């Protein structure tokens, strides 16, 4: 694919951006690569000055750059054609899609699939080997169901959704259009609902629903549980990484992103555009406002206002956490200083021993 063709196709998809193009020549592009591993015939990107030295050494044939005169001059000095946009990483993601598309089987139903006669199957659906689709289910048009998927009774799967191998969709779960459920994920499993009694734990049946709105993506081996009553809901275009646990009755807003290892306890409410970094835990019934962020391994035990970033365990506002972290590294020196003052004042240290 010629550079000029790539520019034409990318320009059509990023109509809101002002583009600057310095072609020099029109090389043939065969693929995409990271800037430090690029080879001749590939297109790569630089997202800021931290990539400046790599522009001096990269073998990429084309670069996607920000509107930065210094970076563009570096590419010009090496005779590398470039295209500039305010969001180079976004354009690079769209460039990848020009050269790679995920595997998608042709529409067909494998002979080993077991499909209940009451199930309604849409048009152009691909159903792989050993899939089980139980009664009263609804499968939309263009759905792809990879091998060994099990769909329980009454579940709904929207148009063009992809269910990867070995995922499980429990009864009455509702999955919207254009969703992706990765291998081993479980949607609509029983929430962790037990009532303590003198004899032990009484199981509370989980009769509620799990709803995934359009464009939701659920990573490998992640779970979204159903509640005892009501619903667990994941908002439109939200993305869950691998190994994420969403408890019963949780409400997650639109366009959120949860990294691997997050655990969201039951009854939690998460606003729109919330970001949870790796291994964040959110306690029962806590609320996180729109646009809030929890950094890696934060433990959120109380409500987080909209737009706030929190860190630490228990989580506090990020700027407070940074100050506390700086103090923590100086605790031993502070302790030694206090000991010295106590000696000078003739005050006996209580409960403090200097361990060498």
Protein backbone atom coordinates (compact mmCIF):
# COMPACT_ATOMS: atom_id res chain seq x y z
CA UNK A 1 0.00 0.00 0.00
CA UNK A 2 1.46 3.34 -1.04
CA UNK A 3 1.96 6.11 1.53
CA UNK A 4 -0.37 8.36 -0.45
CA UNK A 5 -3.15 5.76 -0.20
CA UNK A 6 -2.61 5.43 3.56
CA UNK A 7 -2.86 9.21 3.93
CA UNK A 8 -6.08 9.27 1.96
CA UNK A 9 -7.68 6.53 4.02
CA UNK A 10 -6.52 7.87 7.37
CA UNK A 11 -7.53 11.42 6.50
CA UNK A 12 -11.05 10.22 5.76
CA UNK A 13 -11.29 8.64 9.22
CA UNK A 14 -9.94 11.63 11.17
CA UNK A 15 -12.02 14.42 9.74
CA UNK A 16 -11.87 16.52 12.92
CA UNK A 17 -8.10 16.86 12.87
CA UNK A 18 -6.01 19.27 10.85
CA UNK A 19 -3.42 17.20 9.02
CA UNK A 20 -0.01 18.26 7.76
CA UNK A 21 1.73 16.01 5.26
CA UNK A 22 5.38 16.00 4.18
CA UNK A 23 5.65 13.17 1.66
CA UNK A 24 9.15 13.67 0.15
CA UNK A 25 8.41 10.51 -1.86
CA UNK A 26 5.71 7.85 -1.98
CA UNK A 27 7.13 4.63 -0.49
CA UNK A 28 5.40 1.28 -0.44
CA UNK A 29 4.22 0.41 3.07
CA UNK A 30 3.92 -3.24 4.04
CA UNK A 31 3.05 -3.02 7.71
CA UNK A 32 3.27 -1.21 11.05
CA UNK A 33 5.85 -1.31 13.83
CA UNK A 34 7.00 0.38 17.04
CA UNK A 35 9.45 3.15 16.28
CA UNK A 36 12.40 1.41 17.95
CA UNK A 37 11.74 -1.87 16.09
CA UNK A 38 10.64 -0.48 12.74
CA UNK A 39 12.12 -1.85 9.54
CA UNK A 40 12.07 -0.46 5.99
CA UNK A 41 8.55 -0.66 4.58
CA UNK A 42 6.79 0.00 7.90
CA UNK A 43 4.90 2.97 9.31
CA UNK A 44 5.39 4.04 12.93
CA UNK A 45 4.60 6.99 15.19
CA UNK A 46 6.17 9.37 17.71
CA UNK A 47 3.92 10.86 20.37
CA UNK A 48 6.24 13.51 21.82
CA UNK A 49 9.80 14.58 22.56
CA UNK A 50 10.60 11.35 24.41
CA UNK A 51 10.70 9.76 20.93
CA UNK A 52 13.06 12.40 19.53
CA UNK A 53 16.22 10.31 19.72
CA UNK A 54 14.43 7.36 18.16
CA UNK A 55 13.50 9.43 15.10
CA UNK A 56 17.25 9.84 14.58
CA UNK A 57 17.76 6.06 14.40
CA UNK A 58 14.49 4.48 13.26
CA UNK A 59 14.30 2.50 10.03
CA UNK A 60 10.61 3.27 9.54
CA UNK A 61 9.68 4.38 6.04
CA UNK A 62 6.87 6.70 7.26
CA UNK A 63 6.17 8.40 10.59
CA UNK A 64 3.02 9.74 12.20
CA UNK A 65 4.02 12.81 14.22
CA UNK A 66 2.42 15.48 16.42
CA UNK A 67 2.32 19.09 15.21
CA UNK A 68 5.83 19.66 16.56
CA UNK A 69 8.32 21.51 14.34
CA UNK A 70 11.39 20.00 16.00
CA UNK A 71 10.23 16.41 15.56
CA UNK A 72 9.15 17.11 12.00
CA UNK A 73 12.56 18.67 11.25
CA UNK A 74 14.25 15.51 12.54
CA UNK A 75 12.20 13.41 10.12
CA UNK A 76 12.92 15.88 7.29
CA UNK A 77 16.67 15.67 7.95
CA UNK A 78 16.47 11.92 7.43
CA UNK A 79 14.17 12.18 4.42
CA UNK A 80 11.38 10.24 6.16
CA UNK A 81 7.86 11.09 4.91
CA UNK A 82 5.51 12.03 7.72
CA UNK A 83 1.94 12.94 8.50
CA UNK A 84 1.16 15.13 11.50
CA UNK A 85 -1.95 15.06 13.67
CA UNK A 86 -2.84 16.15 17.19
CA UNK A 87 -3.38 12.50 18.16
CA UNK A 88 -0.58 10.39 16.64
CA UNK A 89 -1.37 7.30 18.72
CA UNK A 90 -4.99 7.35 17.60
CA UNK A 91 -3.95 7.58 13.96
CA UNK A 92 -1.41 4.79 14.46
CA UNK A 93 -4.18 2.58 15.89
CA UNK A 94 -6.20 3.25 12.75
CA UNK A 95 -3.15 2.50 10.61
CA UNK A 96 -2.82 -0.91 12.28
CA UNK A 97 -6.39 -1.68 11.19
CA UNK A 98 -5.38 -1.09 7.56
CA UNK A 99 -2.95 -4.01 7.76
CA UNK A 100 -4.46 -6.37 10.32
CA UNK A 101 -7.95 -7.64 11.05
CA UNK A 102 -8.70 -10.21 13.77
CA UNK A 103 -9.60 -13.71 12.67
CA UNK A 104 -13.28 -13.96 11.82
CA UNK A 105 -14.71 -17.27 10.67
CA UNK A 106 -17.12 -17.39 7.74
CA UNK A 107 -20.82 -17.55 8.61
CA UNK A 108 -21.69 -21.20 9.23
CA UNK A 109 -22.92 -23.54 11.96
CA UNK A 110 -20.53 -26.33 12.88
CA UNK A 111 -21.99 -29.82 12.82
CA UNK A 112 -21.11 -30.43 16.49
CA UNK A 113 -22.91 -27.34 17.80
CA UNK A 114 -25.95 -28.06 20.00
CA UNK A 115 -28.70 -25.48 19.47
CA UNK A 116 -32.10 -25.66 21.13
CA UNK A 117 -34.95 -25.45 18.59
CA UNK A 118 -36.44 -22.47 20.45
CA UNK A 119 -33.29 -20.38 20.04
CA UNK A 120 -33.54 -17.56 17.49
CA UNK A 121 -30.43 -17.22 15.37
CA UNK A 122 -29.89 -14.12 13.22
CA UNK A 123 -28.41 -13.77 9.74
CA UNK A 124 -24.76 -14.37 8.80
CA UNK A 125 -23.90 -15.94 12.16
CA UNK A 126 -20.78 -18.07 12.69
CA UNK A 127 -21.13 -20.81 15.33
CA UNK A 128 -18.05 -22.92 16.09
CA UNK A 129 -17.46 -26.48 17.20
CA UNK A 130 -19.11 -27.76 20.39
CA UNK A 131 -21.02 -24.56 21.07
CA UNK A 132 -24.12 -25.01 23.25
CA UNK A 133 -27.02 -22.58 22.81
CA UNK A 134 -29.90 -23.31 25.15
CA UNK A 135 -33.60 -22.51 25.04
CA UNK A 136 -35.20 -19.14 24.29
CA UNK A 137 -31.92 -17.44 23.49
CA UNK A 138 -31.64 -14.66 20.90
CA UNK A 139 -28.55 -14.31 18.73
CA UNK A 140 -28.35 -11.19 16.55
CA UNK A 141 -27.11 -10.74 12.99
CA UNK A 142 -23.41 -11.15 12.23
CA UNK A 143 -22.56 -12.65 15.62
CA UNK A 144 -19.40 -14.77 15.88
CA UNK A 145 -19.41 -17.59 18.45
CA UNK A 146 -16.10 -19.42 18.74
CA UNK A 147 -15.73 -23.06 19.87
CA UNK A 148 -16.92 -24.35 23.25
CA UNK A 149 -19.01 -21.30 24.15
CA UNK A 150 -22.03 -22.04 26.35
CA UNK A 151 -25.08 -19.75 26.30
CA UNK A 152 -27.69 -20.43 28.98
CA UNK A 153 -31.45 -20.10 28.50
CA UNK A 154 -33.00 -16.72 27.79
CA UNK A 155 -29.76 -14.90 27.05
CA UNK A 156 -29.63 -12.17 24.39
CA UNK A 157 -26.57 -11.45 22.24
CA UNK A 158 -26.67 -8.33 20.05
CA UNK A 159 -25.64 -7.83 16.44
CA UNK A 160 -21.97 -8.28 15.46
CA UNK A 161 -20.91 -9.29 18.96
CA UNK A 162 -17.97 -11.73 19.23
CA UNK A 163 -17.91 -14.49 21.85
CA UNK A 164 -14.46 -16.04 22.07
CA UNK A 165 -13.71 -19.67 22.90
CA UNK A 166 -14.80 -21.10 26.25
CA UNK A 167 -16.68 -18.06 27.52
CA UNK A 168 -19.99 -18.62 29.30
CA UNK A 169 -23.13 -16.47 29.09
CA UNK A 170 -25.51 -17.27 31.95
CA UNK A 171 -29.29 -17.26 31.87
CA UNK A 172 -31.13 -14.08 30.91
CA UNK A 173 -27.95 -12.08 30.44
CA UNK A 174 -28.29 -9.27 27.92
CA UNK A 175 -25.31 -8.41 25.75
CA UNK A 176 -25.58 -5.47 23.37
CA UNK A 177 -24.32 -4.96 19.83
CA UNK A 178 -20.62 -4.82 18.89
CA UNK A 179 -19.44 -6.30 22.17
CA UNK A 180 -16.41 -8.59 22.57
CA UNK A 181 -16.31 -11.27 25.27
CA UNK A 182 -12.86 -12.83 25.42
CA UNK A 183 -11.85 -16.42 26.16
CA UNK A 184 -12.80 -17.78 29.55
CA UNK A 185 -14.91 -14.79 30.62
CA UNK A 186 -18.18 -15.43 32.44
CA UNK A 187 -21.14 -13.08 32.07
CA UNK A 188 -24.07 -13.30 34.47
CA UNK A 189 -22.61 -15.78 36.94
CA UNK A 190 -24.14 -15.93 40.43
CA UNK A 191 -23.23 -13.05 42.69
CA UNK A 192 -21.64 -13.81 46.05
CA UNK A 193 -24.82 -13.66 48.06
CA UNK A 194 -25.08 -15.54 51.37
CA UNK A 195 -26.95 -14.75 54.59
CA UNK A 196 -25.39 -15.72 57.95
CA UNK A 197 -27.48 -17.99 60.19
CA UNK A 198 -26.78 -20.00 63.33
CA UNK A 199 -26.35 -23.07 61.19
CA UNK A 200 -24.02 -21.38 58.69
CA UNK A 201 -24.45 -19.48 55.46
CA UNK A 202 -27.84 -19.53 53.71
CA UNK A 203 -27.58 -19.12 49.96
CA UNK A 204 -29.52 -16.15 48.59
CA UNK A 205 -30.61 -17.00 45.07
CA UNK A 206 -29.33 -14.57 42.48
CA UNK A 207 -32.45 -13.89 40.43
CA UNK A 208 -31.35 -10.62 38.80
CA UNK A 209 -29.96 -9.75 35.39
CA UNK A 210 -26.61 -8.82 33.91
CA UNK A 211 -26.71 -6.18 31.15
CA UNK A 212 -23.81 -5.20 28.90
CA UNK A 213 -24.60 -2.20 26.72
CA UNK A 214 -23.29 -1.74 23.16
CA UNK A 215 -19.56 -1.78 22.54
CA UNK A 216 -18.52 -3.32 25.87
CA UNK A 217 -15.37 -5.45 25.86
CA UNK A 218 -14.65 -8.02 28.59
CA UNK A 219 -11.14 -9.49 28.88
CA UNK A 220 -10.05 -13.09 29.36
CA UNK A 221 -11.12 -14.81 32.59
CA UNK A 222 -13.10 -11.81 33.82
CA UNK A 223 -16.47 -12.14 35.57
CA UNK A 224 -19.55 -9.93 35.64
CA UNK A 225 -21.95 -11.28 38.27
CA UNK A 226 -25.72 -11.04 38.45
CA UNK A 227 -27.43 -9.79 41.64
CA UNK A 228 -30.10 -11.31 43.85
CA UNK A 229 -32.58 -8.78 42.48
CA UNK A 230 -32.33 -5.93 39.98
CA UNK A 231 -29.41 -5.80 37.59
CA UNK A 232 -25.67 -5.48 37.17
CA UNK A 233 -25.04 -3.05 34.30
CA UNK A 234 -21.94 -2.17 32.30
CA UNK A 235 -22.33 1.04 30.30
CA UNK A 236 -21.75 1.61 26.61
CA UNK A 237 -18.18 1.39 25.30
CA UNK A 238 -16.66 0.39 28.64
CA UNK A 239 -13.57 -1.83 28.47
CA UNK A 240 -12.61 -4.46 31.05
CA UNK A 241 -9.13 -5.98 30.97
CA UNK A 242 -8.31 -9.60 31.85
CA UNK A 243 -9.01 -10.90 35.36
CA UNK A 244 -11.50 -8.20 36.35
CA UNK A 245 -14.24 -9.04 38.86
CA UNK A 246 -17.49 -7.06 38.74
CA UNK A 247 -19.67 -7.91 41.72
CA UNK A 248 -23.44 -8.25 41.93
CA UNK A 249 -25.54 -5.14 41.47
CA UNK A 250 -22.65 -2.95 40.32
CA UNK A 251 -23.49 -0.04 37.99
CA UNK A 252 -20.67 1.02 35.66
CA UNK A 253 -21.09 4.03 33.41
CA UNK A 254 -20.04 4.68 29.82
CA UNK A 255 -16.52 4.71 28.37
CA UNK A 256 -14.78 3.42 31.50
CA UNK A 257 -11.52 1.44 31.44
CA UNK A 258 -10.55 -1.07 34.14
CA UNK A 259 -7.08 -2.64 34.00
CA UNK A 260 -6.20 -6.20 34.94
CA UNK A 261 -6.84 -7.46 38.45
CA UNK A 262 -9.50 -4.93 39.48
CA UNK A 263 -12.18 -6.07 41.91
CA UNK A 264 -15.45 -4.15 42.24
CA UNK A 265 -17.56 -5.17 45.22
CA UNK A 266 -21.33 -5.47 45.13
CA UNK A 267 -23.54 -2.43 45.00
CA UNK A 268 -20.80 -0.09 43.80
CA UNK A 269 -21.68 2.76 41.43
CA UNK A 270 -19.04 3.87 38.91
CA UNK A 271 -19.65 6.99 36.81
CA UNK A 272 -18.77 7.69 33.18
CA UNK A 273 -15.18 7.77 31.85
CA UNK A 274 -13.72 6.37 35.09
CA UNK A 275 -10.27 4.77 34.91
CA UNK A 276 -9.14 2.05 37.33
CA UNK A 277 -5.49 1.04 37.03
CA UNK A 278 -4.22 -2.48 37.77
CA UNK A 279 -5.37 -4.29 40.92
CA UNK A 280 -7.63 -1.51 42.20
CA UNK A 281 -10.24 -2.60 44.72
CA UNK A 282 -13.52 -0.75 45.28
CA UNK A 283 -15.49 -1.54 48.45
CA UNK A 284 -19.19 -2.29 48.75
CA UNK A 285 -21.56 0.53 47.86
CA UNK A 286 -18.78 3.07 47.22
CA UNK A 287 -19.40 5.63 44.49
CA UNK A 288 -16.87 6.99 42.01
CA UNK A 289 -17.87 10.14 40.15
CA UNK A 290 -17.55 10.87 36.44
CA UNK A 291 -13.97 11.16 35.19
CA UNK A 292 -12.38 9.97 38.44
CA UNK A 293 -9.21 7.85 38.41
CA UNK A 294 -7.77 5.29 40.85
CA UNK A 295 -4.08 4.53 40.43
CA UNK A 296 -2.60 1.01 40.64
CA UNK A 297 -3.42 -1.03 43.77
CA UNK A 298 -5.55 1.74 45.26
CA UNK A 299 -8.13 0.61 47.80
CA UNK A 300 -11.26 2.73 47.42
CA UNK A 301 -13.34 2.53 50.61
CA UNK A 302 -15.41 5.70 50.36
CA UNK A 303 -16.96 7.89 47.69
CA UNK A 304 -14.64 9.60 45.18
CA UNK A 305 -15.82 12.94 43.76
CA UNK A 306 -16.03 13.50 40.02
CA UNK A 307 -12.70 14.28 38.39
CA UNK A 308 -10.56 13.32 41.39
CA UNK A 309 -7.52 11.01 41.16
CA UNK A 310 -6.91 8.81 44.21
CA UNK A 311 -4.00 6.58 45.21
CA UNK A 312 -2.89 4.34 48.04
CA UNK A 313 -4.56 2.02 50.52
CA UNK A 314 -6.87 3.29 51.83
CA UNK A 315 -7.15 5.61 48.83
CA UNK A 316 -6.66 9.34 49.33
CA UNK A 317 -6.42 12.22 46.90
CA UNK A 318 -3.35 11.68 44.73
CA UNK A 319 -1.54 14.88 45.71
CA UNK A 320 -1.95 13.95 49.39
CA UNK A 321 -0.66 10.45 48.62
CA UNK A 322 2.46 11.89 46.94
CA UNK A 323 3.23 14.04 49.98
CA UNK A 324 2.66 11.11 52.33
CA UNK A 325 4.90 8.89 50.19
CA UNK A 326 7.67 11.47 50.33
CA UNK A 327 7.32 11.61 54.12
CA UNK A 328 7.33 7.82 54.41
CA UNK A 329 10.76 7.58 52.81
CA UNK A 330 12.05 10.01 55.47
CA UNK A 331 10.44 8.33 58.50
CA UNK A 332 13.63 6.68 59.71
CA UNK A 333 15.56 9.97 59.53
CA UNK A 334 12.72 11.70 61.40
CA UNK A 335 12.78 8.97 64.03
CA UNK A 336 16.54 9.39 64.48
CA UNK A 337 16.13 13.15 64.81
CA UNK A 338 13.43 12.71 67.48
CA UNK A 339 15.68 10.27 69.38
CA UNK A 340 18.52 12.76 69.31
CA UNK A 341 16.27 15.53 70.64
CA UNK A 342 15.01 13.23 73.39
CA UNK A 343 18.56 12.48 74.47
CA UNK A 344 19.43 16.16 74.50
CA UNK A 345 16.35 16.94 76.59
CA UNK A 346 16.84 13.95 78.85
CA UNK A 347 13.51 12.44 77.85
CA UNK A 348 13.25 8.67 77.75
CA UNK A 349 11.93 7.28 74.47
CA UNK A 350 8.75 5.36 75.07
CA UNK A 351 8.06 2.33 72.91
CA UNK A 352 10.79 3.12 70.40
CA UNK A 353 13.90 1.05 70.01
CA UNK A 354 16.65 1.80 67.54
CA UNK A 355 17.17 -1.44 65.64
CA UNK A 356 20.44 -1.69 63.79
